[in-house]
PDB file of all heavy atoms in Angstrom:
ATOM      1  N   GLU A   1      10.686  -8.462   9.712  1.00  0.00           N
ATOM      2  CA  GLU A   1      10.585  -9.880  10.050  1.00  0.00           C
ATOM      3  C   GLU A   1       9.959 -10.717   8.955  1.00  0.00           C
ATOM      4  O   GLU A   1       9.842 -11.960   9.073  1.00  0.00           O
ATOM      5  CB  GLU A   1       9.757 -10.043  11.335  1.00  0.00           C
ATOM      6  CG  GLU A   1      10.355  -9.318  12.517  1.00  0.00           C
ATOM      7  CD  GLU A   1       9.351  -9.270  13.697  1.00  0.00           C
ATOM      8  OE1 GLU A   1       8.143  -9.758  13.598  1.00  0.00           O
ATOM      9  OE2 GLU A   1       9.696  -8.633  14.720  1.00  0.00           O
ATOM     10  N   TYR A   2       9.552 -10.094   7.864  1.00  0.00           N
ATOM     11  CA  TYR A   2       8.970 -10.835   6.722  1.00  0.00           C
ATOM     12  C   TYR A   2       9.260 -10.054   5.492  1.00  0.00           C
ATOM     13  O   TYR A   2       9.216  -8.834   5.449  1.00  0.00           O
ATOM     14  CB  TYR A   2       7.446 -10.958   6.948  1.00  0.00           C
ATOM     15  CG  TYR A   2       6.669 -11.569   5.749  1.00  0.00           C
ATOM     16  CD1 TYR A   2       6.755 -12.907   5.502  1.00  0.00           C
ATOM     17  CD2 TYR A   2       6.023 -10.770   4.815  1.00  0.00           C
ATOM     18  CE1 TYR A   2       6.118 -13.497   4.400  1.00  0.00           C
ATOM     19  CE2 TYR A   2       5.333 -11.280   3.724  1.00  0.00           C
ATOM     20  CZ  TYR A   2       5.405 -12.671   3.526  1.00  0.00           C
ATOM     21  OH  TYR A   2       4.775 -13.239   2.441  1.00  0.00           O
ATOM     22  N   GLU A   3       9.567 -10.835   4.388  1.00  0.00           N
ATOM     23  CA  GLU A   3       9.819 -10.148   3.133  1.00  0.00           C
ATOM     24  C   GLU A   3       8.663 -10.484   2.208  1.00  0.00           C
ATOM     25  O   GLU A   3       8.290 -11.566   1.937  1.00  0.00           O
ATOM     26  CB  GLU A   3      11.113 -10.730   2.456  1.00  0.00           C
ATOM     27  CG  GLU A   3      11.524 -10.128   1.179  1.00  0.00           C
ATOM     28  CD  GLU A   3      12.868 -10.632   0.625  1.00  0.00           C
ATOM     29  OE1 GLU A   3      13.561 -11.285   1.358  1.00  0.00           O
ATOM     30  OE2 GLU A   3      13.130 -10.296  -0.549  1.00  0.00           O
ATOM     31  N   LEU A   4       8.010  -9.393   1.721  1.00  0.00           N
ATOM     32  CA  LEU A   4       6.939  -9.509   0.798  1.00  0.00           C
ATOM     33  C   LEU A   4       7.324 -10.177  -0.482  1.00  0.00           C
ATOM     34  O   LEU A   4       8.429  -9.987  -0.949  1.00  0.00           O
ATOM     35  CB  LEU A   4       6.359  -8.110   0.509  1.00  0.00           C
ATOM     36  CG  LEU A   4       5.756  -7.292   1.653  1.00  0.00           C
ATOM     37  CD1 LEU A   4       5.371  -5.935   1.181  1.00  0.00           C
ATOM     38  CD2 LEU A   4       4.531  -7.992   2.258  1.00  0.00           C
ATOM     39  N   THR A   5       6.445 -11.015  -1.037  1.00  0.00           N
ATOM     40  CA  THR A   5       6.590 -11.584  -2.334  1.00  0.00           C
ATOM     41  C   THR A   5       6.588 -10.436  -3.395  1.00  0.00           C
ATOM     42  O   THR A   5       6.069  -9.299  -3.050  1.00  0.00           O
ATOM     43  CB  THR A   5       5.584 -12.629  -2.631  1.00  0.00           C
ATOM     44  OG1 THR A   5       4.306 -12.017  -2.832  1.00  0.00           O
ATOM     45  CG2 THR A   5       5.523 -13.670  -1.546  1.00  0.00           C
ATOM     46  N   VAL A   6       6.969 -10.724  -4.608  1.00  0.00           N
ATOM     47  CA  VAL A   6       6.862  -9.730  -5.653  1.00  0.00           C
ATOM     48  C   VAL A   6       5.454  -9.300  -5.835  1.00  0.00           C
ATOM     49  O   VAL A   6       5.167  -8.043  -5.993  1.00  0.00           O
ATOM     50  CB  VAL A   6       7.448 -10.337  -6.957  1.00  0.00           C
ATOM     51  CG1 VAL A   6       7.217  -9.362  -8.181  1.00  0.00           C
ATOM     52  CG2 VAL A   6       8.984 -10.616  -6.816  1.00  0.00           C
ATOM     53  N   LEU A   7       4.523 -10.192  -5.857  1.00  0.00           N
ATOM     54  CA  LEU A   7       3.106  -9.852  -6.097  1.00  0.00           C
ATOM     55  C   LEU A   7       2.506  -9.048  -4.890  1.00  0.00           C
ATOM     56  O   LEU A   7       1.823  -8.054  -5.116  1.00  0.00           O
ATOM     57  CB  LEU A   7       2.268 -11.110  -6.262  1.00  0.00           C
ATOM     58  CG  LEU A   7       0.874 -10.911  -6.904  1.00  0.00           C
ATOM     59  CD1 LEU A   7       1.002 -10.274  -8.315  1.00  0.00           C
ATOM     60  CD2 LEU A   7       0.086 -12.245  -6.921  1.00  0.00           C
ATOM     61  N   GLU A   8       2.869  -9.432  -3.663  1.00  0.00           N
ATOM     62  CA  GLU A   8       2.454  -8.676  -2.473  1.00  0.00           C
ATOM     63  C   GLU A   8       2.957  -7.288  -2.464  1.00  0.00           C
ATOM     64  O   GLU A   8       2.276  -6.302  -2.154  1.00  0.00           O
ATOM     65  CB  GLU A   8       2.863  -9.427  -1.250  1.00  0.00           C
ATOM     66  CG  GLU A   8       2.087 -10.699  -1.021  1.00  0.00           C
ATOM     67  CD  GLU A   8       2.762 -11.622   0.052  1.00  0.00           C
ATOM     68  OE1 GLU A   8       3.916 -11.285   0.488  1.00  0.00           O
ATOM     69  OE2 GLU A   8       2.117 -12.627   0.486  1.00  0.00           O
ATOM     70  N   ASP A   9       4.269  -7.104  -2.873  1.00  0.00           N
ATOM     71  CA  ASP A   9       4.841  -5.852  -2.863  1.00  0.00           C
ATOM     72  C   ASP A   9       4.277  -4.942  -3.945  1.00  0.00           C
ATOM     73  O   ASP A   9       4.110  -3.717  -3.738  1.00  0.00           O
ATOM     74  CB  ASP A   9       6.423  -5.979  -3.072  1.00  0.00           C
ATOM     75  CG  ASP A   9       7.150  -4.740  -2.580  1.00  0.00           C
ATOM     76  OD1 ASP A   9       6.702  -4.066  -1.642  1.00  0.00           O
ATOM     77  OD2 ASP A   9       8.145  -4.361  -3.226  1.00  0.00           O
ATOM     78  N   LEU A  10       3.982  -5.517  -5.067  1.00  0.00           N
ATOM     79  CA  LEU A  10       3.276  -4.709  -6.083  1.00  0.00           C
ATOM     80  C   LEU A  10       1.978  -4.269  -5.636  1.00  0.00           C
ATOM     81  O   LEU A  10       1.555  -3.066  -5.854  1.00  0.00           O
ATOM     82  CB  LEU A  10       3.093  -5.615  -7.389  1.00  0.00           C
ATOM     83  CG  LEU A  10       2.277  -5.001  -8.515  1.00  0.00           C
ATOM     84  CD1 LEU A  10       2.831  -3.624  -9.045  1.00  0.00           C
ATOM     85  CD2 LEU A  10       2.045  -5.946  -9.673  1.00  0.00           C
ATOM     86  N   GLY A  11       1.212  -5.110  -4.925  1.00  0.00           N
ATOM     87  CA  GLY A  11      -0.082  -4.722  -4.372  1.00  0.00           C
ATOM     88  C   GLY A  11       0.069  -3.618  -3.386  1.00  0.00           C
ATOM     89  O   GLY A  11      -0.752  -2.706  -3.323  1.00  0.00           O
ATOM     90  N   ARG A  12       1.044  -3.741  -2.515  1.00  0.00           N
ATOM     91  CA  ARG A  12       1.340  -2.615  -1.546  1.00  0.00           C
ATOM     92  C   ARG A  12       1.609  -1.344  -2.246  1.00  0.00           C
ATOM     93  O   ARG A  12       1.095  -0.269  -1.890  1.00  0.00           O
ATOM     94  CB  ARG A  12       2.520  -3.048  -0.732  1.00  0.00           C
ATOM     95  CG  ARG A  12       3.097  -1.918   0.159  1.00  0.00           C
ATOM     96  CD  ARG A  12       4.233  -2.423   1.005  1.00  0.00           C
ATOM     97  NE  ARG A  12       5.118  -1.329   1.474  1.00  0.00           N
ATOM     98  CZ  ARG A  12       6.116  -0.867   0.784  1.00  0.00           C
ATOM     99  NH1 ARG A  12       6.480  -1.468  -0.384  1.00  0.00           N
ATOM    100  NH2 ARG A  12       6.871   0.140   1.300  1.00  0.00           N
ATOM    101  N   THR A  13       2.415  -1.368  -3.323  1.00  0.00           N
ATOM    102  CA  THR A  13       2.730  -0.139  -4.078  1.00  0.00           C
ATOM    103  C   THR A  13       1.484   0.454  -4.691  1.00  0.00           C
ATOM    104  O   THR A  13       1.232   1.694  -4.626  1.00  0.00           O
ATOM    105  CB  THR A  13       3.740  -0.428  -5.156  1.00  0.00           C
ATOM    106  OG1 THR A  13       4.963  -0.956  -4.568  1.00  0.00           O
ATOM    107  CG2 THR A  13       4.061   0.791  -5.988  1.00  0.00           C
ATOM    108  N   LEU A  14       0.681  -0.369  -5.252  1.00  0.00           N
ATOM    109  CA  LEU A  14      -0.571   0.072  -5.907  1.00  0.00           C
ATOM    110  C   LEU A  14      -1.562   0.648  -4.846  1.00  0.00           C
ATOM    111  O   LEU A  14      -2.174   1.645  -5.037  1.00  0.00           O
ATOM    112  CB  LEU A  14      -1.296  -1.084  -6.600  1.00  0.00           C
ATOM    113  CG  LEU A  14      -0.621  -1.631  -7.857  1.00  0.00           C
ATOM    114  CD1 LEU A  14      -1.262  -2.916  -8.286  1.00  0.00           C
ATOM    115  CD2 LEU A  14      -0.701  -0.561  -8.962  1.00  0.00           C
ATOM    116  N   PHE A  15      -1.660  -0.044  -3.695  1.00  0.00           N
ATOM    117  CA  PHE A  15      -2.514   0.326  -2.617  1.00  0.00           C
ATOM    118  C   PHE A  15      -2.276   1.764  -2.173  1.00  0.00           C
ATOM    119  O   PHE A  15      -3.216   2.547  -1.988  1.00  0.00           O
ATOM    120  CB  PHE A  15      -2.476  -0.626  -1.473  1.00  0.00           C
ATOM    121  CG  PHE A  15      -3.410  -0.325  -0.405  1.00  0.00           C
ATOM    122  CD1 PHE A  15      -4.656  -1.004  -0.352  1.00  0.00           C
ATOM    123  CD2 PHE A  15      -3.141   0.564   0.666  1.00  0.00           C
ATOM    124  CE1 PHE A  15      -5.614  -0.678   0.671  1.00  0.00           C
ATOM    125  CE2 PHE A  15      -4.041   0.855   1.643  1.00  0.00           C
ATOM    126  CZ  PHE A  15      -5.291   0.207   1.616  1.00  0.00           C
ATOM    127  N   PHE A  16      -0.974   2.109  -2.042  1.00  0.00           N
ATOM    128  CA  PHE A  16      -0.667   3.394  -1.417  1.00  0.00           C
ATOM    129  C   PHE A  16      -0.435   4.479  -2.547  1.00  0.00           C
ATOM    130  O   PHE A  16      -0.136   5.613  -2.191  1.00  0.00           O
ATOM    131  CB  PHE A  16       0.628   3.305  -0.527  1.00  0.00           C
ATOM    132  CG  PHE A  16       0.382   2.569   0.738  1.00  0.00           C
ATOM    133  CD1 PHE A  16       0.936   1.334   0.982  1.00  0.00           C
ATOM    134  CD2 PHE A  16      -0.459   3.099   1.705  1.00  0.00           C
ATOM    135  CE1 PHE A  16       0.786   0.723   2.169  1.00  0.00           C
ATOM    136  CE2 PHE A  16      -0.687   2.507   2.938  1.00  0.00           C
ATOM    137  CZ  PHE A  16      -0.139   1.235   3.180  1.00  0.00           C
ATOM    138  N   SER A  17      -0.533   4.043  -3.814  1.00  0.00           N
ATOM    139  CA  SER A  17      -0.254   4.988  -4.922  1.00  0.00           C
ATOM    140  C   SER A  17      -1.489   5.724  -5.321  1.00  0.00           C
ATOM    141  O   SER A  17      -2.393   5.128  -5.858  1.00  0.00           O
ATOM    142  CB  SER A  17       0.397   4.264  -6.077  1.00  0.00           C
ATOM    143  OG  SER A  17       0.547   5.141  -7.146  1.00  0.00           O
ATOM    144  N   GLU A  18      -1.512   7.013  -5.152  1.00  0.00           N
ATOM    145  CA  GLU A  18      -2.635   7.837  -5.585  1.00  0.00           C
ATOM    146  C   GLU A  18      -2.662   7.908  -7.096  1.00  0.00           C
ATOM    147  O   GLU A  18      -3.779   8.329  -7.631  1.00  0.00           O
ATOM    148  CB  GLU A  18      -2.598   9.207  -4.981  1.00  0.00           C
ATOM    149  CG  GLU A  18      -2.675   9.204  -3.414  1.00  0.00           C
ATOM    150  CD  GLU A  18      -2.631  10.597  -2.900  1.00  0.00           C
ATOM    151  OE1 GLU A  18      -2.562  11.536  -3.605  1.00  0.00           O
ATOM    152  OE2 GLU A  18      -2.658  10.706  -1.613  1.00  0.00           O
ATOM    153  N   ALA A  19      -1.601   7.668  -7.729  1.00  0.00           N
ATOM    154  CA  ALA A  19      -1.599   7.767  -9.249  1.00  0.00           C
ATOM    155  C   ALA A  19      -2.179   6.530  -9.904  1.00  0.00           C
ATOM    156  O   ALA A  19      -2.495   6.529 -11.138  1.00  0.00           O
ATOM    157  CB  ALA A  19      -0.105   7.917  -9.721  1.00  0.00           C
ATOM    158  N   ASN A  20      -2.463   5.414  -9.172  1.00  0.00           N
ATOM    159  CA  ASN A  20      -3.027   4.226  -9.692  1.00  0.00           C
ATOM    160  C   ASN A  20      -4.424   3.989  -9.251  1.00  0.00           C
ATOM    161  O   ASN A  20      -5.396   3.972  -9.987  1.00  0.00           O
ATOM    162  CB  ASN A  20      -2.104   3.062  -9.390  1.00  0.00           C
ATOM    163  CG  ASN A  20      -0.831   3.075 -10.173  1.00  0.00           C
ATOM    164  OD1 ASN A  20      -0.818   2.527 -11.325  1.00  0.00           O
ATOM    165  ND2 ASN A  20       0.297   3.548  -9.664  1.00  0.00           N
ATOM    166  N   VAL A  21      -4.582   3.615  -8.002  1.00  0.00           N
ATOM    167  CA  VAL A  21      -5.874   3.362  -7.443  1.00  0.00           C
ATOM    168  C   VAL A  21      -6.103   4.239  -6.220  1.00  0.00           C
ATOM    169  O   VAL A  21      -5.145   4.906  -5.761  1.00  0.00           O
ATOM    170  CB  VAL A  21      -6.011   1.812  -7.006  1.00  0.00           C
ATOM    171  CG1 VAL A  21      -5.870   0.927  -8.201  1.00  0.00           C
ATOM    172  CG2 VAL A  21      -4.917   1.501  -5.971  1.00  0.00           C
ATOM    173  N   ASN A  22      -7.321   4.301  -5.764  1.00  0.00           N
ATOM    174  CA  ASN A  22      -7.636   5.238  -4.646  1.00  0.00           C
ATOM    175  C   ASN A  22      -7.930   4.431  -3.383  1.00  0.00           C
ATOM    176  O   ASN A  22      -8.627   4.962  -2.492  1.00  0.00           O
ATOM    177  CB  ASN A  22      -8.854   6.086  -4.968  1.00  0.00           C
ATOM    178  CG  ASN A  22      -8.399   7.408  -5.644  1.00  0.00           C
ATOM    179  OD1 ASN A  22      -7.217   7.638  -5.719  1.00  0.00           O
ATOM    180  ND2 ASN A  22      -9.338   8.112  -6.064  1.00  0.00           N
ATOM    181  N   CYS A  23      -7.378   3.255  -3.151  1.00  0.00           N
ATOM    182  CA  CYS A  23      -7.604   2.469  -2.019  1.00  0.00           C
ATOM    183  C   CYS A  23      -7.341   3.247  -0.674  1.00  0.00           C
ATOM    184  O   CYS A  23      -8.151   3.317   0.217  1.00  0.00           O
ATOM    185  CB  CYS A  23      -6.803   1.238  -1.999  1.00  0.00           C
ATOM    186  SG  CYS A  23      -6.973   0.120  -3.411  1.00  0.00           S
ATOM    187  N   SER A  24      -6.186   3.920  -0.728  1.00  0.00           N
ATOM    188  CA  SER A  24      -5.710   4.596   0.502  1.00  0.00           C
ATOM    189  C   SER A  24      -6.522   5.809   0.825  1.00  0.00           C
ATOM    190  O   SER A  24      -6.464   6.357   1.998  1.00  0.00           O
ATOM    191  CB  SER A  24      -4.237   4.924   0.387  1.00  0.00           C
ATOM    192  OG  SER A  24      -4.008   5.820  -0.700  1.00  0.00           O
ATOM    193  N   THR A  25      -7.300   6.313  -0.093  1.00  0.00           N
ATOM    194  CA  THR A  25      -8.170   7.524   0.161  1.00  0.00           C
ATOM    195  C   THR A  25      -9.155   7.271   1.318  1.00  0.00           C
ATOM    196  O   THR A  25      -9.310   8.136   2.198  1.00  0.00           O
ATOM    197  CB  THR A  25      -8.991   7.910  -1.089  1.00  0.00           C
ATOM    198  OG1 THR A  25      -8.120   8.215  -2.135  1.00  0.00           O
ATOM    199  CG2 THR A  25      -9.858   9.103  -0.809  1.00  0.00           C
ATOM    200  N   CYS A  26      -9.676   6.051   1.394  1.00  0.00           N
ATOM    201  CA  CYS A  26     -10.664   5.697   2.482  1.00  0.00           C
ATOM    202  C   CYS A  26     -10.051   4.663   3.393  1.00  0.00           C
ATOM    203  O   CYS A  26     -10.495   4.620   4.551  1.00  0.00           O
ATOM    204  CB  CYS A  26     -11.907   5.146   1.804  1.00  0.00           C
ATOM    205  SG  CYS A  26     -12.785   6.353   0.798  1.00  0.00           S
ATOM    206  N   HIS A  27      -9.106   3.897   2.947  1.00  0.00           N
ATOM    207  CA  HIS A  27      -8.611   2.852   3.784  1.00  0.00           C
ATOM    208  C   HIS A  27      -7.221   3.082   4.335  1.00  0.00           C
ATOM    209  O   HIS A  27      -6.388   2.181   4.474  1.00  0.00           O
ATOM    210  CB  HIS A  27      -8.572   1.514   3.016  1.00  0.00           C
ATOM    211  CG  HIS A  27     -10.031   0.948   2.740  1.00  0.00           C
ATOM    212  ND1 HIS A  27     -10.746   0.395   3.695  1.00  0.00           N
ATOM    213  CD2 HIS A  27     -10.754   0.972   1.601  1.00  0.00           C
ATOM    214  CE1 HIS A  27     -11.880   0.020   3.203  1.00  0.00           C
ATOM    215  NE2 HIS A  27     -11.964   0.367   1.974  1.00  0.00           N
ATOM    216  N   MET A  28      -6.959   4.353   4.688  1.00  0.00           N
ATOM    217  CA  MET A  28      -5.708   4.700   5.382  1.00  0.00           C
ATOM    218  C   MET A  28      -5.953   5.856   6.291  1.00  0.00           C
ATOM    219  O   MET A  28      -6.550   6.868   5.930  1.00  0.00           O
ATOM    220  CB  MET A  28      -4.551   5.100   4.374  1.00  0.00           C
ATOM    221  CG  MET A  28      -3.227   5.344   5.032  1.00  0.00           C
ATOM    222  SD  MET A  28      -1.867   5.585   3.777  1.00  0.00           S
ATOM    223  CE  MET A  28      -2.380   7.225   3.129  1.00  0.00           C
ATOM    224  N   LEU A  29      -5.558   5.630   7.541  1.00  0.00           N
ATOM    225  CA  LEU A  29      -5.780   6.662   8.602  1.00  0.00           C
ATOM    226  C   LEU A  29      -4.561   7.506   8.796  1.00  0.00           C
ATOM    227  O   LEU A  29      -4.568   8.699   9.068  1.00  0.00           O
ATOM    228  CB  LEU A  29      -6.224   6.034   9.887  1.00  0.00           C
ATOM    229  CG  LEU A  29      -6.559   6.960  11.049  1.00  0.00           C
ATOM    230  CD1 LEU A  29      -7.757   7.818  10.702  1.00  0.00           C
ATOM    231  CD2 LEU A  29      -6.782   6.184  12.308  1.00  0.00           C
ATOM    232  N   LYS A  30      -3.395   6.880   8.738  1.00  0.00           N
ATOM    233  CA  LYS A  30      -2.108   7.500   9.131  1.00  0.00           C
ATOM    234  C   LYS A  30      -1.297   7.922   7.880  1.00  0.00           C
ATOM    235  O   LYS A  30      -1.686   8.814   7.184  1.00  0.00           O
ATOM    236  CB  LYS A  30      -1.339   6.619  10.023  1.00  0.00           C
ATOM    237  CG  LYS A  30      -2.135   6.231  11.305  1.00  0.00           C
ATOM    238  CD  LYS A  30      -1.286   5.296  12.174  1.00  0.00           C
ATOM    239  CE  LYS A  30      -2.090   4.916  13.423  1.00  0.00           C
ATOM    240  NZ  LYS A  30      -1.324   3.991  14.335  1.00  0.00           N
ATOM    241  N   ARG A  31      -0.286   7.252   7.600  1.00  0.00           N
ATOM    242  CA  ARG A  31       0.518   7.472   6.387  1.00  0.00           C
ATOM    243  C   ARG A  31       1.000   6.160   5.859  1.00  0.00           C
ATOM    244  O   ARG A  31       0.861   5.111   6.578  1.00  0.00           O
ATOM    245  CB  ARG A  31       1.745   8.360   6.745  1.00  0.00           C
ATOM    246  CG  ARG A  31       2.627   7.821   7.899  1.00  0.00           C
ATOM    247  CD  ARG A  31       3.846   8.581   8.173  1.00  0.00           C
ATOM    248  NE  ARG A  31       4.520   8.090   9.343  1.00  0.00           N
ATOM    249  CZ  ARG A  31       5.215   6.945   9.394  1.00  0.00           C
ATOM    250  NH1 ARG A  31       5.409   6.266   8.312  1.00  0.00           N
ATOM    251  NH2 ARG A  31       5.853   6.620  10.539  1.00  0.00           N
ATOM    252  N   GLU A  32       1.600   6.138   4.699  1.00  0.00           N
ATOM    253  CA  GLU A  32       2.056   4.884   4.061  1.00  0.00           C
ATOM    254  C   GLU A  32       3.001   4.213   5.069  1.00  0.00           C
ATOM    255  O   GLU A  32       4.029   4.766   5.482  1.00  0.00           O
ATOM    256  CB  GLU A  32       2.777   5.198   2.763  1.00  0.00           C
ATOM    257  CG  GLU A  32       3.250   3.995   2.074  1.00  0.00           C
ATOM    258  CD  GLU A  32       3.834   4.262   0.678  1.00  0.00           C
ATOM    259  OE1 GLU A  32       3.571   5.362   0.114  1.00  0.00           O
ATOM    260  OE2 GLU A  32       4.564   3.415   0.119  1.00  0.00           O
ATOM    261  N   ASP A  33       2.725   2.896   5.210  1.00  0.00           N
ATOM    262  CA  ASP A  33       3.576   2.045   6.037  1.00  0.00           C
ATOM    263  C   ASP A  33       3.743   2.432   7.506  1.00  0.00           C
ATOM    264  O   ASP A  33       4.769   2.208   8.127  1.00  0.00           O
ATOM    265  CB  ASP A  33       5.022   1.849   5.364  1.00  0.00           C
ATOM    266  CG  ASP A  33       4.878   0.962   4.133  1.00  0.00           C
ATOM    267  OD1 ASP A  33       3.925   0.219   3.969  1.00  0.00           O
ATOM    268  OD2 ASP A  33       5.850   1.047   3.295  1.00  0.00           O
ATOM    269  N   ALA A  34       2.774   3.145   8.003  1.00  0.00           N
ATOM    270  CA  ALA A  34       2.798   3.528   9.421  1.00  0.00           C
ATOM    271  C   ALA A  34       2.447   2.327  10.311  1.00  0.00           C
ATOM    272  O   ALA A  34       1.667   1.413   9.871  1.00  0.00           O
ATOM    273  CB  ALA A  34       1.808   4.632   9.699  1.00  0.00           C
ATOM    274  N   ALA A  35       3.040   2.220  11.396  1.00  0.00           N
ATOM    275  CA  ALA A  35       2.752   1.110  12.341  1.00  0.00           C
ATOM    276  C   ALA A  35       1.330   1.225  12.908  1.00  0.00           C
ATOM    277  O   ALA A  35       0.733   2.286  13.006  1.00  0.00           O
ATOM    278  CB  ALA A  35       3.737   1.222  13.493  1.00  0.00           C
TER     279      ALA A  35
END
């Protein structure tokens, strides 16, 4: 229902990418893009 902007989508990719930053190590309970 919403299309991420280029910047938002880059941020999403970085957030969930273990090769770049470690955000998801502590700030993710389920899996990438889980409801």
